């Protein structure tokens, strides 16, 4: 399901909800817990030398015979980083995992720009993982659409997922909300996969995009398995015992990855590549508090 006008109108009523204080200080449209002069009233404090008289509540002063200054929620924009995995394994699935990841990046990028956040779009799994120049404001939406429209599956010669992440991390903005769209296939234990994404003091959301056949395969008989990111090939006979063993191993891996993420304060959600954008948005991201 591509991004539609109807879905965009629904997204325009939402915003990102960071899971921790991210330290953003750019003028924008996001109320924070820092007090200042913004739009949302939060409290009073006694008038002090240097305070602007326009923020004095004169009605309250008349009743209490003492001047108080109104305090408002300071406004700030978030730094939103969308990292899309373009490694060869993202070509698997019907529809392909990359297709959903690309559409989700478009939708979430639109949300960030519409809300006045600062958007960074990056790729993992390619020959040269990279981060595009920062996008900001609704005028940057055409640039976002052009960038996500160029996302393609990288050749097998690209860097493995975690190595590409190590290359990219130094160029990320400080204390950002990092949303990763990837199948998270890496030659590393779940503890290491989760831990590597958390460097830099970021709030992290892992949206693990998997094809239905990867979670619950049904094919039986003679199979030839091929590593799409390497040269390994394996011929096996698939029967119920083998399929049950595979499903158990996949389920155990996903459970451990989720636990490893939770231990680090990372939000981890598995998304099937055959789900529609509105299903992911309203049945995964909204209930999980990623957006609201």
Protein backbone atom coordinates (compact mmCIF):
# COMPACT_ATOMS: atom_id res chain seq x y z
CA UNK A 1 0.00 0.00 0.00
CA UNK A 2 1.56 3.28 -1.07
CA UNK A 3 1.22 6.55 0.81
CA UNK A 4 -2.21 7.97 -0.06
CA UNK A 5 -3.75 11.41 0.43
CA UNK A 6 -6.25 9.97 2.89
CA UNK A 7 -3.44 8.44 4.99
CA UNK A 8 -1.48 11.70 4.90
CA UNK A 9 -4.50 13.59 6.25
CA UNK A 10 -4.66 11.11 9.12
CA UNK A 11 -0.93 11.45 9.78
CA UNK A 12 -1.21 15.23 9.95
CA UNK A 13 -3.10 14.83 13.23
CA UNK A 14 -0.23 12.86 14.83
CA UNK A 15 3.25 13.59 16.11
CA UNK A 16 6.29 11.67 17.33
CA UNK A 17 6.36 10.90 21.05
CA UNK A 18 9.98 10.59 22.23
CA UNK A 19 10.61 8.09 25.01
CA UNK A 20 13.17 10.27 26.81
CA UNK A 21 14.44 13.85 26.92
CA UNK A 22 16.33 14.22 23.67
CA UNK A 23 17.94 17.58 24.24
CA UNK A 24 16.57 19.25 21.09
CA UNK A 25 16.78 23.03 21.20
CA UNK A 26 15.68 24.12 17.74
CA UNK A 27 12.67 26.44 17.44
CA UNK A 28 9.75 24.31 16.39
CA UNK A 29 6.30 23.08 17.27
CA UNK A 30 7.02 20.52 20.01
CA UNK A 31 6.04 21.39 23.60
CA UNK A 32 8.70 20.17 26.05
CA UNK A 33 8.98 19.95 29.81
CA UNK A 34 11.31 22.92 29.86
CA UNK A 35 9.57 26.07 31.02
CA UNK A 36 9.72 29.19 28.96
CA UNK A 37 7.52 31.49 26.94
CA UNK A 38 5.64 29.32 24.43
CA UNK A 39 2.03 28.46 23.74
CA UNK A 40 0.97 26.03 26.48
CA UNK A 41 0.45 27.47 29.98
CA UNK A 42 1.93 25.29 32.75
CA UNK A 43 2.37 27.33 35.97
CA UNK A 44 2.96 30.65 37.74
CA UNK A 45 5.97 32.06 39.58
CA UNK A 46 6.44 35.34 41.49
CA UNK A 47 7.40 38.34 39.39
CA UNK A 48 11.12 39.14 39.49
CA UNK A 49 13.33 41.94 38.25
CA UNK A 50 13.82 41.68 34.48
CA UNK A 51 10.60 39.75 33.80
CA UNK A 52 8.48 41.10 30.95
CA UNK A 53 5.30 42.81 32.12
CA UNK A 54 3.30 41.27 29.26
CA UNK A 55 3.52 37.89 31.02
CA UNK A 56 2.12 39.21 34.32
CA UNK A 57 -1.34 37.89 35.21
CA UNK A 58 -2.99 41.17 36.25
CA UNK A 59 -6.22 39.51 37.36
CA UNK A 60 -4.28 37.31 39.77
CA UNK A 61 -2.25 40.33 40.94
CA UNK A 62 -5.44 42.25 41.74
CA UNK A 63 -6.78 39.40 43.89
CA UNK A 64 -3.55 38.57 45.73
CA UNK A 65 -1.96 42.04 45.78
CA UNK A 66 1.21 40.49 44.38
CA UNK A 67 2.43 40.05 40.81
CA UNK A 68 2.88 36.59 39.26
CA UNK A 69 4.32 35.71 35.86
CA UNK A 70 2.74 33.08 33.64
CA UNK A 71 4.98 30.18 32.62
CA UNK A 72 4.51 28.31 29.36
CA UNK A 73 5.89 25.10 27.87
CA UNK A 74 8.94 25.93 25.80
CA UNK A 75 8.72 24.83 22.18
CA UNK A 76 11.33 22.73 20.49
CA UNK A 77 11.67 20.43 17.53
CA UNK A 78 12.92 16.87 17.65
CA UNK A 79 15.76 15.43 15.66
CA UNK A 80 14.28 12.44 13.82
CA UNK A 81 16.63 9.95 12.15
CA UNK A 82 15.12 7.33 9.80
CA UNK A 83 17.57 4.54 8.92
CA UNK A 84 16.43 2.25 6.10
CA UNK A 85 18.14 -1.11 5.56
CA UNK A 86 18.79 -1.63 1.84
CA UNK A 87 20.80 -4.87 2.15
CA UNK A 88 19.93 -7.69 -0.33
CA UNK A 89 17.84 -9.58 2.23
CA UNK A 90 15.35 -6.68 2.16
CA UNK A 91 14.39 -7.74 -1.38
CA UNK A 92 12.75 -10.90 -0.01
CA UNK A 93 9.04 -11.22 0.62
CA UNK A 94 5.88 -10.60 -1.38
CA UNK A 95 5.70 -7.67 -1.32
CA UNK A 96 9.38 -7.09 -0.66
CA UNK A 97 10.41 -5.97 2.81
CA UNK A 98 12.10 -2.90 1.34
CA UNK A 99 8.81 -1.79 -0.24
CA UNK A 100 7.15 -1.51 3.17
CA UNK A 101 10.26 0.00 4.76
CA UNK A 102 10.44 2.63 2.01
CA UNK A 103 6.74 3.54 2.35
CA UNK A 104 7.05 3.72 6.14
CA UNK A 105 10.09 6.01 5.82
CA UNK A 106 8.05 8.26 3.53
CA UNK A 107 5.10 8.35 5.90
CA UNK A 108 7.16 8.93 9.06
CA UNK A 109 9.31 11.48 7.26
CA UNK A 110 6.20 13.35 6.21
CA UNK A 111 5.02 13.34 9.82
CA UNK A 112 8.35 14.77 11.02
CA UNK A 113 8.40 17.55 8.44
CA UNK A 114 4.75 18.43 8.94
CA UNK A 115 5.35 18.78 12.70
CA UNK A 116 8.39 21.00 12.22
CA UNK A 117 10.96 18.40 13.32
CA UNK A 118 14.43 18.14 11.82
CA UNK A 119 14.61 15.02 9.64
CA UNK A 120 17.67 12.95 8.76
CA UNK A 121 17.31 10.04 6.30
CA UNK A 122 20.03 7.41 6.13
CA UNK A 123 20.64 3.99 4.63
CA UNK A 124 22.28 0.85 5.98
CA UNK A 125 23.51 -2.23 4.19
CA UNK A 126 24.85 -0.49 1.08
CA UNK A 127 28.39 -0.12 -0.19
CA UNK A 128 28.61 3.32 1.45
CA UNK A 129 26.07 3.87 4.22
CA UNK A 130 25.16 7.52 4.19
CA UNK A 131 23.07 10.25 5.76
CA UNK A 132 21.33 12.84 3.62
CA UNK A 133 21.53 16.54 4.55
CA UNK A 134 18.98 17.55 7.17
CA UNK A 135 15.46 18.29 5.96
CA UNK A 136 13.22 20.73 7.78
CA UNK A 137 9.79 22.22 7.23
CA UNK A 138 6.92 21.30 4.93
CA UNK A 139 8.73 22.81 1.95
CA UNK A 140 11.19 19.88 2.20
CA UNK A 141 8.49 17.23 1.57
CA UNK A 142 9.31 16.99 -2.19
CA UNK A 143 12.97 16.34 -1.27
CA UNK A 144 11.83 13.59 1.09
CA UNK A 145 9.70 11.95 -1.60
CA UNK A 146 12.58 12.11 -4.07
CA UNK A 147 14.99 10.56 -1.55
CA UNK A 148 12.75 7.66 -0.53
CA UNK A 149 11.84 7.10 -4.20
CA UNK A 150 15.52 6.43 -4.93
CA UNK A 151 15.86 3.70 -2.30
CA UNK A 152 16.88 0.44 -3.95
CA UNK A 153 18.28 -2.88 -2.76
CA UNK A 154 22.07 -2.67 -2.57
CA UNK A 155 24.41 -5.25 -4.20
CA UNK A 156 25.77 -8.13 -2.08
CA UNK A 157 29.12 -6.31 -1.86
CA UNK A 158 27.70 -3.83 0.65
CA UNK A 159 28.77 -3.59 4.27
CA UNK A 160 27.04 -5.90 6.76
CA UNK A 161 24.32 -4.22 8.80
CA UNK A 162 26.28 -3.57 12.00
CA UNK A 163 29.48 -2.53 10.21
CA UNK A 164 27.46 -0.03 8.20
CA UNK A 165 25.91 1.24 11.41
CA UNK A 166 29.38 1.81 12.91
CA UNK A 167 30.29 3.89 9.84
CA UNK A 168 27.11 5.93 10.08
CA UNK A 169 26.89 6.56 13.85
CA UNK A 170 29.50 9.36 14.04
CA UNK A 171 27.52 11.43 11.52
CA UNK A 172 24.19 11.21 13.38
CA UNK A 173 22.96 14.32 15.19
CA UNK A 174 23.29 14.24 18.95
CA UNK A 175 20.47 12.80 21.06
CA UNK A 176 18.03 12.04 18.28
CA UNK A 177 14.99 9.81 17.99
CA UNK A 178 16.35 7.05 15.73
CA UNK A 179 13.83 4.84 13.91
CA UNK A 180 15.39 1.80 12.22
CA UNK A 181 13.54 0.01 9.39
CA UNK A 182 15.35 -3.29 8.90
CA UNK A 183 15.02 -7.05 9.09
CA UNK A 184 17.93 -6.87 11.61
CA UNK A 185 19.63 -9.89 10.09
CA UNK A 186 23.17 -9.71 11.43
CA UNK A 187 25.91 -12.20 12.23
CA UNK A 188 25.82 -11.26 15.90
CA UNK A 189 23.87 -12.23 19.04
CA UNK A 190 20.73 -10.23 19.90
CA UNK A 191 22.49 -8.48 22.80
CA UNK A 192 25.07 -7.03 20.44
CA UNK A 193 22.53 -6.09 17.77
CA UNK A 194 20.44 -4.12 20.26
CA UNK A 195 23.43 -2.55 21.98
CA UNK A 196 25.05 -1.24 18.82
CA UNK A 197 22.00 0.86 17.94
CA UNK A 198 21.98 2.57 21.33
CA UNK A 199 25.31 4.37 21.08
CA UNK A 200 25.21 8.16 21.18
CA UNK A 201 22.48 8.74 23.77
CA UNK A 202 19.66 8.33 21.25
CA UNK A 203 16.12 7.13 21.81
CA UNK A 204 15.78 4.11 19.51
CA UNK A 205 12.82 2.38 17.87
CA UNK A 206 13.54 -0.84 15.99
CA UNK A 207 10.87 -1.67 13.41
CA UNK A 208 11.87 -5.16 12.33
CA UNK A 209 10.34 -5.85 8.93
CA UNK A 210 10.05 -9.57 8.20
CA UNK A 211 8.38 -11.50 5.39
CA UNK A 212 5.66 -13.98 6.45
CA UNK A 213 7.64 -16.91 5.02
CA UNK A 214 10.63 -15.95 7.16
CA UNK A 215 8.59 -16.26 10.34
CA UNK A 216 6.33 -19.14 9.38
CA UNK A 217 7.59 -21.06 6.31
CA UNK A 218 5.29 -23.66 4.77
CA UNK A 219 7.39 -25.03 1.89
CA UNK A 220 8.23 -28.73 2.10
CA UNK A 221 10.24 -31.16 0.02
CA UNK A 222 13.64 -30.68 -1.60
CA UNK A 223 14.93 -27.13 -1.14
CA UNK A 224 18.02 -25.27 -2.17
CA UNK A 225 18.79 -22.49 0.28
CA UNK A 226 20.97 -19.57 -0.78
CA UNK A 227 22.49 -16.76 1.26
CA UNK A 228 21.45 -13.63 -0.67
CA UNK A 229 24.22 -11.63 0.98
CA UNK A 230 26.98 -14.18 0.50
CA UNK A 231 27.99 -17.28 -1.46
CA UNK A 232 26.71 -20.02 0.83
CA UNK A 233 24.26 -22.59 -0.53
CA UNK A 234 22.63 -25.53 1.18
CA UNK A 235 20.40 -28.32 -0.12
CA UNK A 236 17.95 -29.73 2.42
CA UNK A 237 14.85 -31.86 2.63
CA UNK A 238 12.14 -29.85 4.29
CA UNK A 239 9.60 -31.75 6.36
CA UNK A 240 7.36 -30.94 9.34
CA UNK A 241 10.14 -31.66 11.85
CA UNK A 242 12.57 -29.29 10.12
CA UNK A 243 9.94 -26.56 9.74
CA UNK A 244 8.90 -26.83 13.39
CA UNK A 245 12.55 -26.58 14.43
CA UNK A 246 13.03 -23.50 12.26
CA UNK A 247 9.90 -21.79 13.65
CA UNK A 248 11.01 -22.51 17.21
CA UNK A 249 14.48 -21.09 16.53
CA UNK A 250 13.06 -17.97 14.84
CA UNK A 251 10.60 -17.39 17.71
CA UNK A 252 13.37 -17.79 20.29
CA UNK A 253 15.61 -15.33 18.40
CA UNK A 254 12.83 -12.74 18.21
CA UNK A 255 12.04 -13.13 21.91
CA UNK A 256 15.69 -12.67 22.89
CA UNK A 257 16.07 -9.67 20.59
CA UNK A 258 12.99 -8.09 22.16
CA UNK A 259 14.29 -8.78 25.67
CA UNK A 260 17.72 -7.38 24.82
CA UNK A 261 16.04 -4.27 23.45
CA UNK A 262 13.80 -3.81 26.49
CA UNK A 263 16.78 -4.11 28.83
CA UNK A 264 18.28 -1.10 27.05
CA UNK A 265 15.14 0.98 26.83
CA UNK A 266 14.79 0.32 23.10
CA UNK A 267 11.33 -0.15 21.62
CA UNK A 268 11.28 -3.19 19.34
CA UNK A 269 8.35 -4.17 17.12
CA UNK A 270 8.08 -6.86 14.46
CA UNK A 271 6.19 -5.77 11.33
CA UNK A 272 5.12 -8.21 8.63
CA UNK A 273 5.97 -7.04 5.11
CA UNK A 274 2.45 -7.88 3.90
CA UNK A 275 0.79 -5.42 6.29
CA UNK A 276 -0.63 -2.15 5.02
CA UNK A 277 0.69 1.23 6.09
CA UNK A 278 -2.45 2.12 8.02
CA UNK A 279 -2.27 -1.22 9.87
CA UNK A 280 1.33 -0.53 10.93
CA UNK A 281 0.52 3.05 11.87
CA UNK A 282 -2.69 2.47 13.84
CA UNK A 283 -2.13 -1.08 15.15
CA UNK A 284 1.60 -0.94 15.95
CA UNK A 285 3.06 2.57 16.18
CA UNK A 286 0.08 4.31 17.80
CA UNK A 287 -0.59 1.71 20.55
CA UNK A 288 3.16 1.49 21.24
CA UNK A 289 3.38 5.24 21.82
CA UNK A 290 5.86 5.88 19.01
CA UNK A 291 3.39 8.41 17.61
CA UNK A 292 0.31 9.92 19.17
